[in-house]
Amino acid sequence: MIQVMDNLIGNAVKFSPKSSKIDIQTETSDHHFRFSVKDEGPGISKEDQKLAFGEFQTLGSKPTGGEKSTGLGLSISKKLIELHGGKMGILSQEGQGSTFYFELPLERIANSEDRLE
């Protein structure tokens, strides 16, 4: 989970202009834990959102600091989340930033904590 969180936060930093804000939130409902990262970057088109979690996908948005992108981070993150019974998603509009999130069933989280003891 730390790898997934690191990837989402790192992408928000990578694709946001200097001095912009990045909002990180956690929420719980009766059945899910949700982690989200909202940025003030350029946003992602509907077409690119469909491709975002594919392997080796580099989208129309370019990193603001000239960083390189392999196009693997979101794909690997999504697979890890799905292995834990969760889901990943994007909420975005061009020109208005993006929110990347994942949700995990609380039941799975509770069971994994029991195994750590």
PDB file of N, CA and C in Angstrom:
ATOM      1  N   MET A   1       0.814  -1.196   0.000  1.00  0.00           N
ATOM      2  CA  MET A   1       0.000   0.000   0.000  1.00  0.00           C
ATOM      3  C   MET A   1       0.863   1.268   0.000  1.00  0.00           C
ATOM      4  N   ILE A   2       1.995   1.183   0.676  1.00  0.00           N
ATOM      5  CA  ILE A   2       2.883   2.347   0.698  1.00  0.00           C
ATOM      6  C   ILE A   2       3.385   2.650  -0.709  1.00  0.00           C
ATOM      7  N   GLN A   3       3.687   1.632  -1.487  1.00  0.00           N
ATOM      8  CA  GLN A   3       4.137   1.834  -2.863  1.00  0.00           C
ATOM      9  C   GLN A   3       3.057   2.530  -3.686  1.00  0.00           C
ATOM     10  N   VAL A   4       1.807   2.133  -3.514  1.00  0.00           N
ATOM     11  CA  VAL A   4       0.700   2.737  -4.252  1.00  0.00           C
ATOM     12  C   VAL A   4       0.523   4.194  -3.827  1.00  0.00           C
ATOM     13  N   MET A   5       0.525   4.446  -2.523  1.00  0.00           N
ATOM     14  CA  MET A   5       0.394   5.818  -2.032  1.00  0.00           C
ATOM     15  C   MET A   5       1.533   6.689  -2.556  1.00  0.00           C
ATOM     16  N   ASP A   6       2.745   6.168  -2.501  1.00  0.00           N
ATOM     17  CA  ASP A   6       3.910   6.893  -2.990  1.00  0.00           C
ATOM     18  C   ASP A   6       3.765   7.217  -4.471  1.00  0.00           C
ATOM     19  N   ASN A   7       3.254   6.286  -5.252  1.00  0.00           N
ATOM     20  CA  ASN A   7       3.075   6.514  -6.677  1.00  0.00           C
ATOM     21  C   ASN A   7       2.048   7.619  -6.938  1.00  0.00           C
ATOM     22  N   LEU A   8       0.925   7.582  -6.240  1.00  0.00           N
ATOM     23  CA  LEU A   8      -0.113   8.596  -6.451  1.00  0.00           C
ATOM     24  C   LEU A   8       0.366   9.989  -6.036  1.00  0.00           C
ATOM     25  N   ILE A   9       1.041  10.068  -4.900  1.00  0.00           N
ATOM     26  CA  ILE A   9       1.557  11.364  -4.440  1.00  0.00           C
ATOM     27  C   ILE A   9       2.664  11.843  -5.381  1.00  0.00           C
ATOM     28  N   GLY A  10       3.563  10.951  -5.763  1.00  0.00           N
ATOM     29  CA  GLY A  10       4.650  11.311  -6.673  1.00  0.00           C
ATOM     30  C   GLY A  10       4.132  11.816  -8.011  1.00  0.00           C
ATOM     31  N   ASN A  11       3.103  11.169  -8.546  1.00  0.00           N
ATOM     32  CA  ASN A  11       2.523  11.628  -9.812  1.00  0.00           C
ATOM     33  C   ASN A  11       1.893  13.006  -9.656  1.00  0.00           C
ATOM     34  N   ALA A  12       1.221  13.242  -8.538  1.00  0.00           N
ATOM     35  CA  ALA A  12       0.607  14.554  -8.316  1.00  0.00           C
ATOM     36  C   ALA A  12       1.670  15.643  -8.305  1.00  0.00           C
ATOM     37  N   VAL A  13       2.789  15.373  -7.640  1.00  0.00           N
ATOM     38  CA  VAL A  13       3.881  16.341  -7.606  1.00  0.00           C
ATOM     39  C   VAL A  13       4.475  16.512  -9.006  1.00  0.00           C
ATOM     40  N   LYS A  14       4.692  15.395  -9.690  1.00  0.00           N
ATOM     41  CA  LYS A  14       5.326  15.409 -11.004  1.00  0.00           C
ATOM     42  C   LYS A  14       4.525  16.197 -12.046  1.00  0.00           C
ATOM     43  N   PHE A  15       3.192  16.142 -11.963  1.00  0.00           N
ATOM     44  CA  PHE A  15       2.361  16.747 -12.999  1.00  0.00           C
ATOM     45  C   PHE A  15       1.684  18.052 -12.564  1.00  0.00           C
ATOM     46  N   SER A  16       2.070  18.588 -11.428  1.00  0.00           N
ATOM     47  CA  SER A  16       1.487  19.845 -10.945  1.00  0.00           C
ATOM     48  C   SER A  16       2.490  20.986 -11.070  1.00  0.00           C
ATOM     49  N   PRO A  17       1.992  22.187 -11.357  1.00  0.00           N
ATOM     50  CA  PRO A  17       2.894  23.341 -11.419  1.00  0.00           C
ATOM     51  C   PRO A  17       3.484  23.658 -10.045  1.00  0.00           C
ATOM     52  N   LYS A  18       4.633  24.344 -10.047  1.00  0.00           N
ATOM     53  CA  LYS A  18       5.235  24.786  -8.785  1.00  0.00           C
ATOM     54  C   LYS A  18       4.239  25.619  -8.009  1.00  0.00           C
ATOM     55  N   SER A  19       4.315  25.556  -6.699  1.00  0.00           N
ATOM     56  CA  SER A  19       3.481  26.332  -5.771  1.00  0.00           C
ATOM     57  C   SER A  19       2.006  25.952  -5.814  1.00  0.00           C
ATOM     58  N   SER A  20       1.658  24.857  -6.458  1.00  0.00           N
ATOM     59  CA  SER A  20       0.265  24.419  -6.422  1.00  0.00           C
ATOM     60  C   SER A  20       0.056  23.506  -5.218  1.00  0.00           C
ATOM     61  N   LYS A  21      -1.188  23.265  -4.886  1.00  0.00           N
ATOM     62  CA  LYS A  21      -1.516  22.452  -3.723  1.00  0.00           C
ATOM     63  C   LYS A  21      -1.843  21.020  -4.141  1.00  0.00           C
ATOM     64  N   ILE A  22      -1.479  20.109  -3.263  1.00  0.00           N
ATOM     65  CA  ILE A  22      -1.852  18.708  -3.412  1.00  0.00           C
ATOM     66  C   ILE A  22      -2.580  18.315  -2.141  1.00  0.00           C
ATOM     67  N   ASP A  23      -3.784  17.811  -2.302  1.00  0.00           N
ATOM     68  CA  ASP A  23      -4.631  17.455  -1.168  1.00  0.00           C
ATOM     69  C   ASP A  23      -4.676  15.934  -1.039  1.00  0.00           C
ATOM     70  N   ILE A  24      -4.282  15.433   0.119  1.00  0.00           N
ATOM     71  CA  ILE A  24      -4.287  13.998   0.385  1.00  0.00           C
ATOM     72  C   ILE A  24      -5.343  13.735   1.454  1.00  0.00           C
ATOM     73  N   GLN A  25      -6.258  12.810   1.158  1.00  0.00           N
ATOM     74  CA  GLN A  25      -7.330  12.529   2.105  1.00  0.00           C
ATOM     75  C   GLN A  25      -7.501  11.025   2.302  1.00  0.00           C
ATOM     76  N   THR A  26      -7.945  10.688   3.487  1.00  0.00           N
ATOM     77  CA  THR A  26      -8.389   9.325   3.765  1.00  0.00           C
ATOM     78  C   THR A  26      -9.808   9.415   4.307  1.00  0.00           C
ATOM     79  N   GLU A  27     -10.602   8.433   3.964  1.00  0.00           N
ATOM     80  CA  GLU A  27     -11.982   8.374   4.438  1.00  0.00           C
ATOM     81  C   GLU A  27     -12.331   6.914   4.693  1.00  0.00           C
ATOM     82  N   THR A  28     -13.233   6.720   5.601  1.00  0.00           N
ATOM     83  CA  THR A  28     -13.777   5.382   5.791  1.00  0.00           C
ATOM     84  C   THR A  28     -15.293   5.463   5.756  1.00  0.00           C
ATOM     85  N   SER A  29     -15.901   4.431   5.211  1.00  0.00           N
ATOM     86  CA  SER A  29     -17.351   4.280   5.252  1.00  0.00           C
ATOM     87  C   SER A  29     -17.608   3.001   6.036  1.00  0.00           C
ATOM     88  N   ASP A  30     -18.812   2.531   5.996  1.00  0.00           N
ATOM     89  CA  ASP A  30     -19.119   1.292   6.718  1.00  0.00           C
ATOM     90  C   ASP A  30     -18.319   0.100   6.199  1.00  0.00           C
ATOM     91  N   HIS A  31     -17.966   0.153   4.908  1.00  0.00           N
ATOM     92  CA  HIS A  31     -17.352  -1.032   4.315  1.00  0.00           C
ATOM     93  C   HIS A  31     -16.022  -0.790   3.606  1.00  0.00           C
ATOM     94  N   HIS A  32     -15.646   0.475   3.393  1.00  0.00           N
ATOM     95  CA  HIS A  32     -14.443   0.754   2.608  1.00  0.00           C
ATOM     96  C   HIS A  32     -13.541   1.796   3.267  1.00  0.00           C
ATOM     97  N   PHE A  33     -12.263   1.669   2.957  1.00  0.00           N
ATOM     98  CA  PHE A  33     -11.265   2.687   3.251  1.00  0.00           C
ATOM     99  C   PHE A  33     -10.919   3.319   1.912  1.00  0.00           C
ATOM    100  N   ARG A  34     -10.849   4.644   1.861  1.00  0.00           N
ATOM    101  CA  ARG A  34     -10.530   5.347   0.606  1.00  0.00           C
ATOM    102  C   ARG A  34      -9.351   6.294   0.844  1.00  0.00           C
ATOM    103  N   PHE A  35      -8.388   6.231  -0.055  1.00  0.00           N
ATOM    104  CA  PHE A  35      -7.222   7.117  -0.057  1.00  0.00           C
ATOM    105  C   PHE A  35      -7.268   7.875  -1.378  1.00  0.00           C
ATOM    106  N   SER A  36      -7.161   9.224  -1.310  1.00  0.00           N
ATOM    107  CA  SER A  36      -7.206  10.009  -2.551  1.00  0.00           C
ATOM    108  C   SER A  36      -6.174  11.110  -2.535  1.00  0.00           C
ATOM    109  N   VAL A  37      -5.714  11.451  -3.732  1.00  0.00           N
ATOM    110  CA  VAL A  37      -4.741  12.511  -3.944  1.00  0.00           C
ATOM    111  C   VAL A  37      -5.294  13.418  -5.037  1.00  0.00           C
ATOM    112  N   LYS A  38      -5.511  14.675  -4.665  1.00  0.00           N
ATOM    113  CA  LYS A  38      -6.046  15.663  -5.615  1.00  0.00           C
ATOM    114  C   LYS A  38      -4.959  16.675  -5.932  1.00  0.00           C
ATOM    115  N   ASP A  39      -4.754  16.933  -7.230  1.00  0.00           N
ATOM    116  CA  ASP A  39      -3.730  17.894  -7.634  1.00  0.00           C
ATOM    117  C   ASP A  39      -4.354  19.058  -8.396  1.00  0.00           C
ATOM    118  N   GLU A  40      -3.520  20.041  -8.687  1.00  0.00           N
ATOM    119  CA  GLU A  40      -3.942  21.208  -9.460  1.00  0.00           C
ATOM    120  C   GLU A  40      -3.238  21.221 -10.815  1.00  0.00           C
ATOM    121  N   GLY A  41      -2.986  20.029 -11.340  1.00  0.00           N
ATOM    122  CA  GLY A  41      -2.314  19.899 -12.629  1.00  0.00           C
ATOM    123  C   GLY A  41      -3.256  20.189 -13.778  1.00  0.00           C
ATOM    124  N   PRO A  42      -2.850  19.807 -14.992  1.00  0.00           N
ATOM    125  CA  PRO A  42      -3.609  20.150 -16.191  1.00  0.00           C
ATOM    126  C   PRO A  42      -4.896  19.346 -16.379  1.00  0.00           C
ATOM    127  N   GLY A  43      -5.098  18.333 -15.579  1.00  0.00           N
ATOM    128  CA  GLY A  43      -6.262  17.467 -15.780  1.00  0.00           C
ATOM    129  C   GLY A  43      -5.992  16.449 -16.874  1.00  0.00           C
ATOM    130  N   ILE A  44      -6.907  15.510 -17.011  1.00  0.00           N
ATOM    131  CA  ILE A  44      -6.734  14.404 -17.952  1.00  0.00           C
ATOM    132  C   ILE A  44      -7.991  14.291 -18.791  1.00  0.00           C
ATOM    133  N   SER A  45      -7.828  14.200 -20.099  1.00  0.00           N
ATOM    134  CA  SER A  45      -8.973  14.068 -20.998  1.00  0.00           C
ATOM    135  C   SER A  45      -9.693  12.742 -20.748  1.00  0.00           C
ATOM    136  N   LYS A  46     -10.948  12.675 -21.148  1.00  0.00           N
ATOM    137  CA  LYS A  46     -11.730  11.433 -21.002  1.00  0.00           C
ATOM    138  C   LYS A  46     -11.039  10.284 -21.740  1.00  0.00           C
ATOM    139  N   GLU A  47     -10.487  10.562 -22.918  1.00  0.00           N
ATOM    140  CA  GLU A  47      -9.807   9.527 -23.696  1.00  0.00           C
ATOM    141  C   GLU A  47      -8.589   8.988 -22.952  1.00  0.00           C
ATOM    142  N   ASP A  48      -7.783   9.894 -22.391  1.00  0.00           N
ATOM    143  CA  ASP A  48      -6.603   9.470 -21.648  1.00  0.00           C
ATOM    144  C   ASP A  48      -6.960   8.754 -20.353  1.00  0.00           C
ATOM    145  N   GLN A  49      -8.077   9.120 -19.737  1.00  0.00           N
ATOM    146  CA  GLN A  49      -8.495   8.438 -18.507  1.00  0.00           C
ATOM    147  C   GLN A  49      -8.738   6.954 -18.768  1.00  0.00           C
ATOM    148  N   LYS A  50      -9.237   6.625 -19.960  1.00  0.00           N
ATOM    149  CA  LYS A  50      -9.486   5.224 -20.313  1.00  0.00           C
ATOM    150  C   LYS A  50      -8.177   4.439 -20.448  1.00  0.00           C
ATOM    151  N   LEU A  51      -7.091   5.139 -20.743  1.00  0.00           N
ATOM    152  CA  LEU A  51      -5.791   4.497 -20.967  1.00  0.00           C
ATOM    153  C   LEU A  51      -4.879   4.531 -19.743  1.00  0.00           C
ATOM    154  N   ALA A  52      -5.203   5.344 -18.765  1.00  0.00           N
ATOM    155  CA  ALA A  52      -4.289   5.685 -17.673  1.00  0.00           C
ATOM    156  C   ALA A  52      -3.710   4.487 -16.923  1.00  0.00           C
ATOM    157  N   PHE A  53      -4.462   3.407 -16.785  1.00  0.00           N
ATOM    158  CA  PHE A  53      -3.997   2.276 -15.983  1.00  0.00           C
ATOM    159  C   PHE A  53      -3.383   1.157 -16.830  1.00  0.00           C
ATOM    160  N   GLY A  54      -3.189   1.415 -18.113  1.00  0.00           N
ATOM    161  CA  GLY A  54      -2.573   0.416 -18.986  1.00  0.00           C
ATOM    162  C   GLY A  54      -1.059   0.428 -18.846  1.00  0.00           C
ATOM    163  N   GLU A  55      -0.438  -0.708 -19.154  1.00  0.00           N
ATOM    164  CA  GLU A  55       1.026  -0.803 -19.067  1.00  0.00           C
ATOM    165  C   GLU A  55       1.674   0.052 -20.137  1.00  0.00           C
ATOM    166  N   PHE A  56       2.737   0.722 -19.767  1.00  0.00           N
ATOM    167  CA  PHE A  56       3.557   1.556 -20.646  1.00  0.00           C
ATOM    168  C   PHE A  56       2.768   2.708 -21.267  1.00  0.00           C
ATOM    169  N   GLN A  57       1.700   3.151 -20.606  1.00  0.00           N
ATOM    170  CA  GLN A  57       0.917   4.273 -21.115  1.00  0.00           C
ATOM    171  C   GLN A  57       1.509   5.586 -20.627  1.00  0.00           C
ATOM    172  N   THR A  58       1.836   6.444 -21.554  1.00  0.00           N
ATOM    173  CA  THR A  58       2.193   7.819 -21.223  1.00  0.00           C
ATOM    174  C   THR A  58       1.125   8.686 -21.863  1.00  0.00           C
ATOM    175  N   LEU A  59       0.533   9.560 -21.083  1.00  0.00           N
ATOM    176  CA  LEU A  59      -0.630  10.315 -21.513  1.00  0.00           C
ATOM    177  C   LEU A  59      -0.225  11.678 -22.052  1.00  0.00           C
ATOM    178  N   GLY A  60      -1.213  12.453 -22.457  1.00  0.00           N
ATOM    179  CA  GLY A  60      -0.965  13.757 -23.046  1.00  0.00           C
ATOM    180  C   GLY A  60      -0.305  14.755 -22.115  1.00  0.00           C
ATOM    181  N   SER A  61      -0.559  14.672 -20.825  1.00  0.00           N
ATOM    182  CA  SER A  61       0.041  15.593 -19.856  1.00  0.00           C
ATOM    183  C   SER A  61       1.522  15.301 -19.718  1.00  0.00           C
ATOM    184  N   LYS A  62       2.314  16.337 -19.648  1.00  0.00           N
ATOM    185  CA  LYS A  62       3.762  16.184 -19.499  1.00  0.00           C
ATOM    186  C   LYS A  62       4.185  16.582 -18.091  1.00  0.00           C
ATOM    187  N   PRO A  63       5.171  15.882 -17.523  1.00  0.00           N
ATOM    188  CA  PRO A  63       5.691  16.274 -16.205  1.00  0.00           C
ATOM    189  C   PRO A  63       6.173  17.719 -16.220  1.00  0.00           C
ATOM    190  N   THR A  64       5.906  18.441 -15.146  1.00  0.00           N
ATOM    191  CA  THR A  64       6.232  19.865 -15.089  1.00  0.00           C
ATOM    192  C   THR A  64       7.715  20.131 -14.887  1.00  0.00           C
ATOM    193  N   GLY A  65       8.461  19.161 -14.368  1.00  0.00           N
ATOM    194  CA  GLY A  65       9.886  19.360 -14.129  1.00  0.00           C
ATOM    195  C   GLY A  65      10.754  18.612 -15.123  1.00  0.00           C
ATOM    196  N   GLY A  66      10.162  18.111 -16.213  1.00  0.00           N
ATOM    197  CA  GLY A  66      10.922  17.379 -17.211  1.00  0.00           C
ATOM    198  C   GLY A  66      11.262  15.955 -16.809  1.00  0.00           C
ATOM    199  N   GLU A  67      10.617  15.432 -15.756  1.00  0.00           N
ATOM    200  CA  GLU A  67      10.896  14.068 -15.297  1.00  0.00           C
ATOM    201  C   GLU A  67      10.500  13.056 -16.381  1.00  0.00           C
ATOM    202  N   LYS A  68      11.086  11.891 -16.304  1.00  0.00           N
ATOM    203  CA  LYS A  68      10.755  10.790 -17.212  1.00  0.00           C
ATOM    204  C   LYS A  68       9.623   9.970 -16.609  1.00  0.00           C
ATOM    205  N   SER A  69       8.904   9.286 -17.473  1.00  0.00           N
ATOM    206  CA  SER A  69       7.816   8.420 -17.030  1.00  0.00           C
ATOM    207  C   SER A  69       7.874   7.116 -17.808  1.00  0.00           C
ATOM    208  N   THR A  70       7.795   5.988 -17.091  1.00  0.00           N
ATOM    209  CA  THR A  70       7.824   4.685 -17.759  1.00  0.00           C
ATOM    210  C   THR A  70       6.435   4.231 -18.166  1.00  0.00           C
ATOM    211  N   GLY A  71       5.407   4.833 -17.563  1.00  0.00           N
ATOM    212  CA  GLY A  71       4.052   4.392 -17.854  1.00  0.00           C
ATOM    213  C   GLY A  71       3.688   3.103 -17.153  1.00  0.00           C
ATOM    214  N   LEU A  72       4.389   2.760 -16.093  1.00  0.00           N
ATOM    215  CA  LEU A  72       4.111   1.518 -15.360  1.00  0.00           C
ATOM    216  C   LEU A  72       3.511   1.743 -13.977  1.00  0.00           C
ATOM    217  N   GLY A  73       3.726   2.898 -13.368  1.00  0.00           N
ATOM    218  CA  GLY A  73       3.320   3.122 -11.980  1.00  0.00           C
ATOM    219  C   GLY A  73       1.847   2.906 -11.714  1.00  0.00           C
ATOM    220  N   LEU A  74       0.986   3.505 -12.526  1.00  0.00           N
ATOM    221  CA  LEU A  74      -0.454   3.350 -12.296  1.00  0.00           C
ATOM    222  C   LEU A  74      -0.922   1.935 -12.582  1.00  0.00           C
ATOM    223  N   SER A  75      -0.339   1.309 -13.593  1.00  0.00           N
ATOM    224  CA  SER A  75      -0.712  -0.067 -13.925  1.00  0.00           C
ATOM    225  C   SER A  75      -0.370  -1.024 -12.770  1.00  0.00           C
ATOM    226  N   ILE A  76       0.831  -0.905 -12.244  1.00  0.00           N
ATOM    227  CA  ILE A  76       1.258  -1.750 -11.121  1.00  0.00           C
ATOM    228  C   ILE A  76       0.414  -1.451  -9.885  1.00  0.00           C
ATOM    229  N   SER A  77       0.169  -0.169  -9.630  1.00  0.00           N
ATOM    230  CA  SER A  77      -0.634   0.224  -8.470  1.00  0.00           C
ATOM    231  C   SER A  77      -2.029  -0.378  -8.545  1.00  0.00           C
ATOM    232  N   LYS A  78      -2.641  -0.286  -9.707  1.00  0.00           N
ATOM    233  CA  LYS A  78      -3.998  -0.832  -9.870  1.00  0.00           C
ATOM    234  C   LYS A  78      -4.009  -2.339  -9.626  1.00  0.00           C
ATOM    235  N   LYS A  79      -3.021  -3.033 -10.144  1.00  0.00           N
ATOM    236  CA  LYS A  79      -2.952  -4.481  -9.940  1.00  0.00           C
ATOM    237  C   LYS A  79      -2.801  -4.825  -8.459  1.00  0.00           C
ATOM    238  N   LEU A  80      -1.964  -4.066  -7.743  1.00  0.00           N
ATOM    239  CA  LEU A  80      -1.789  -4.308  -6.307  1.00  0.00           C
ATOM    240  C   LEU A  80      -3.107  -4.092  -5.545  1.00  0.00           C
ATOM    241  N   ILE A  81      -3.800  -3.008  -5.872  1.00  0.00           N
ATOM    242  CA  ILE A  81      -5.067  -2.715  -5.202  1.00  0.00           C
ATOM    243  C   ILE A  81      -6.087  -3.808  -5.496  1.00  0.00           C
ATOM    244  N   GLU A  82      -6.167  -4.231  -6.748  1.00  0.00           N
ATOM    245  CA  GLU A  82      -7.130  -5.282  -7.111  1.00  0.00           C
ATOM    246  C   GLU A  82      -6.799  -6.608  -6.432  1.00  0.00           C
ATOM    247  N   LEU A  83      -5.512  -6.899  -6.235  1.00  0.00           N
ATOM    248  CA  LEU A  83      -5.123  -8.117  -5.514  1.00  0.00           C
ATOM    249  C   LEU A  83      -5.636  -8.101  -4.071  1.00  0.00           C
ATOM    250  N   HIS A  84      -5.858  -6.916  -3.534  1.00  0.00           N
ATOM    251  CA  HIS A  84      -6.396  -6.767  -2.182  1.00  0.00           C
ATOM    252  C   HIS A  84      -7.909  -6.568  -2.187  1.00  0.00           C
ATOM    253  N   GLY A  85      -8.556  -6.835  -3.315  1.00  0.00           N
ATOM    254  CA  GLY A  85     -10.007  -6.744  -3.405  1.00  0.00           C
ATOM    255  C   GLY A  85     -10.540  -5.337  -3.566  1.00  0.00           C
ATOM    256  N   GLY A  86      -9.678  -4.393  -3.941  1.00  0.00           N
ATOM    257  CA  GLY A  86     -10.092  -3.005  -4.060  1.00  0.00           C
ATOM    258  C   GLY A  86     -10.218  -2.540  -5.490  1.00  0.00           C
ATOM    259  N   LYS A  87     -10.377  -1.227  -5.630  1.00  0.00           N
ATOM    260  CA  LYS A  87     -10.473  -0.627  -6.958  1.00  0.00           C
ATOM    261  C   LYS A  87      -9.756   0.718  -6.956  1.00  0.00           C
ATOM    262  N   MET A  88      -9.308   1.132  -8.144  1.00  0.00           N
ATOM    263  CA  MET A  88      -8.662   2.437  -8.334  1.00  0.00           C
ATOM    264  C   MET A  88      -9.455   3.212  -9.359  1.00  0.00           C
ATOM    265  N   GLY A  89      -9.377   4.544  -9.244  1.00  0.00           N
ATOM    266  CA  GLY A  89     -10.079   5.364 -10.205  1.00  0.00           C
ATOM    267  C   GLY A  89      -9.500   6.759 -10.317  1.00  0.00           C
ATOM    268  N   ILE A  90     -10.045   7.499 -11.285  1.00  0.00           N
ATOM    269  CA  ILE A  90      -9.645   8.875 -11.571  1.00  0.00           C
ATOM    270  C   ILE A  90     -10.904   9.727 -11.662  1.00  0.00           C
ATOM    271  N   LEU A  91     -10.828  10.907 -11.084  1.00  0.00           N
ATOM    272  CA  LEU A  91     -11.829  11.944 -11.293  1.00  0.00           C
ATOM    273  C   LEU A  91     -11.057  13.134 -11.851  1.00  0.00           C
ATOM    274  N   SER A  92     -11.362  13.561 -13.071  1.00  0.00           N
ATOM    275  CA  SER A  92     -10.581  14.624 -13.676  1.00  0.00           C
ATOM    276  C   SER A  92     -11.345  15.314 -14.790  1.00  0.00           C
ATOM    277  N   GLN A  93     -11.029  16.589 -14.949  1.00  0.00           N
ATOM    278  CA  GLN A  93     -11.486  17.375 -16.095  1.00  0.00           C
ATOM    279  C   GLN A  93     -10.301  18.175 -16.575  1.00  0.00           C
ATOM    280  N   GLU A  94     -10.171  18.286 -17.878  1.00  0.00           N
ATOM    281  CA  GLU A  94      -9.061  19.054 -18.425  1.00  0.00           C
ATOM    282  C   GLU A  94      -9.092  20.481 -17.896  1.00  0.00           C
ATOM    283  N   GLY A  95      -7.924  20.948 -17.467  1.00  0.00           N
ATOM    284  CA  GLY A  95      -7.791  22.296 -16.950  1.00  0.00           C
ATOM    285  C   GLY A  95      -8.193  22.461 -15.497  1.00  0.00           C
ATOM    286  N   GLN A  96      -8.625  21.372 -14.840  1.00  0.00           N
ATOM    287  CA  GLN A  96      -9.105  21.480 -13.460  1.00  0.00           C
ATOM    288  C   GLN A  96      -8.456  20.489 -12.503  1.00  0.00           C
ATOM    289  N   GLY A  97      -7.356  19.927 -12.880  1.00  0.00           N
ATOM    290  CA  GLY A  97      -6.674  18.997 -11.983  1.00  0.00           C
ATOM    291  C   GLY A  97      -7.273  17.600 -12.017  1.00  0.00           C
ATOM    292  N   SER A  98      -6.717  16.736 -11.192  1.00  0.00           N
ATOM    293  CA  SER A  98      -7.131  15.332 -11.150  1.00  0.00           C
ATOM    294  C   SER A  98      -7.146  14.834  -9.721  1.00  0.00           C
ATOM    295  N   THR A  99      -8.017  13.883  -9.472  1.00  0.00           N
ATOM    296  CA  THR A  99      -8.021  13.143  -8.220  1.00  0.00           C
ATOM    297  C   THR A  99      -7.861  11.672  -8.564  1.00  0.00           C
ATOM    298  N   PHE A 100      -6.807  11.070  -8.043  1.00  0.00           N
ATOM    299  CA  PHE A 100      -6.612   9.622  -8.161  1.00  0.00           C
ATOM    300  C   PHE A 100      -6.924   9.026  -6.801  1.00  0.00           C
ATOM    301  N   TYR A 101      -7.605   7.902  -6.800  1.00  0.00           N
ATOM    302  CA  TYR A 101      -7.997   7.294  -5.529  1.00  0.00           C
ATOM    303  C   TYR A 101      -7.962   5.778  -5.619  1.00  0.00           C
ATOM    304  N   PHE A 102      -7.915   5.162  -4.449  1.00  0.00           N
ATOM    305  CA  PHE A 102      -8.173   3.729  -4.358  1.00  0.00           C
ATOM    306  C   PHE A 102      -9.062   3.481  -3.151  1.00  0.00           C
ATOM    307  N   GLU A 103      -9.820   2.417  -3.252  1.00  0.00           N
ATOM    308  CA  GLU A 103     -10.688   1.977  -2.160  1.00  0.00           C
ATOM    309  C   GLU A 103     -10.380   0.525  -1.863  1.00  0.00           C
ATOM    310  N   LEU A 104     -10.351   0.214  -0.581  1.00  0.00           N
ATOM    311  CA  LEU A 104     -10.142  -1.165  -0.128  1.00  0.00           C
ATOM    312  C   LEU A 104     -11.269  -1.550   0.816  1.00  0.00           C
ATOM    313  N   PRO A 105     -11.739  -2.776   0.732  1.00  0.00           N
ATOM    314  CA  PRO A 105     -12.760  -3.217   1.678  1.00  0.00           C
ATOM    315  C   PRO A 105     -12.171  -3.292   3.086  1.00  0.00           C
ATOM    316  N   LEU A 106     -12.875  -2.717   4.053  1.00  0.00           N
ATOM    317  CA  LEU A 106     -12.380  -2.737   5.440  1.00  0.00           C
ATOM    318  C   LEU A 106     -12.198  -4.161   5.943  1.00  0.00           C
ATOM    319  N   GLU A 107     -13.014  -5.055   5.501  1.00  0.00           N
ATOM    320  CA  GLU A 107     -12.901  -6.460   5.902  1.00  0.00           C
ATOM    321  C   GLU A 107     -11.526  -7.017   5.551  1.00  0.00           C
ATOM    322  N   ARG A 108     -11.023  -6.698   4.371  1.00  0.00           N
ATOM    323  CA  ARG A 108      -9.703  -7.160   3.943  1.00  0.00           C
ATOM    324  C   ARG A 108      -8.601  -6.526   4.786  1.00  0.00           C
ATOM    325  N   ILE A 109      -8.757  -5.242   5.097  1.00  0.00           N
ATOM    326  CA  ILE A 109      -7.752  -4.544   5.901  1.00  0.00           C
ATOM    327  C   ILE A 109      -7.685  -5.159   7.295  1.00  0.00           C
ATOM    328  N   ALA A 110      -8.835  -5.403   7.895  1.00  0.00           N
ATOM    329  CA  ALA A 110      -8.871  -6.009   9.231  1.00  0.00           C
ATOM    330  C   ALA A 110      -8.233  -7.378   9.224  1.00  0.00           C
ATOM    331  N   ASN A 111      -8.506  -8.175   8.199  1.00  0.00           N
ATOM    332  CA  ASN A 111      -7.917  -9.515   8.109  1.00  0.00           C
ATOM    333  C   ASN A 111      -6.414  -9.461   7.928  1.00  0.00           C
ATOM    334  N   SER A 112      -5.897  -8.499   7.172  1.00  0.00           N
ATOM    335  CA  SER A 112      -4.450  -8.422   6.967  1.00  0.00           C
ATOM    336  C   SER A 112      -3.753  -7.961   8.238  1.00  0.00           C
ATOM    337  N   GLU A 113      -4.401  -7.103   9.046  1.00  0.00           N
ATOM    338  CA  GLU A 113      -3.805  -6.694  10.307  1.00  0.00           C
ATOM    339  C   GLU A 113      -3.717  -7.865  11.274  1.00  0.00           C
ATOM    340  N   ASP A 114      -4.709  -8.761  11.240  1.00  0.00           N
ATOM    341  CA  ASP A 114      -4.665  -9.947  12.098  1.00  0.00           C
ATOM    342  C   ASP A 114      -3.467 -10.820  11.735  1.00  0.00           C
ATOM    343  N   ARG A 115      -3.131 -10.905  10.457  1.00  0.00           N
ATOM    344  CA  ARG A 115      -2.026 -11.751  10.026  1.00  0.00           C
ATOM    345  C   ARG A 115      -0.676 -11.170  10.413  1.00  0.00           C
ATOM    346  N   LEU A 116      -0.619  -9.872  10.659  1.00  0.00           N
ATOM    347  CA  LEU A 116       0.651  -9.247  11.022  1.00  0.00           C
ATOM    348  C   LEU A 116       1.058  -9.519  12.473  1.00  0.00           C
ATOM    349  N   GLU A 117       0.105  -9.834  13.297  1.00  0.00           N
ATOM    350  CA  GLU A 117       0.396 -10.030  14.727  1.00  0.00           C
ATOM    351  C   GLU A 117       1.117 -11.331  14.988  1.00  0.00           C
TER     352      GLU A 117
END
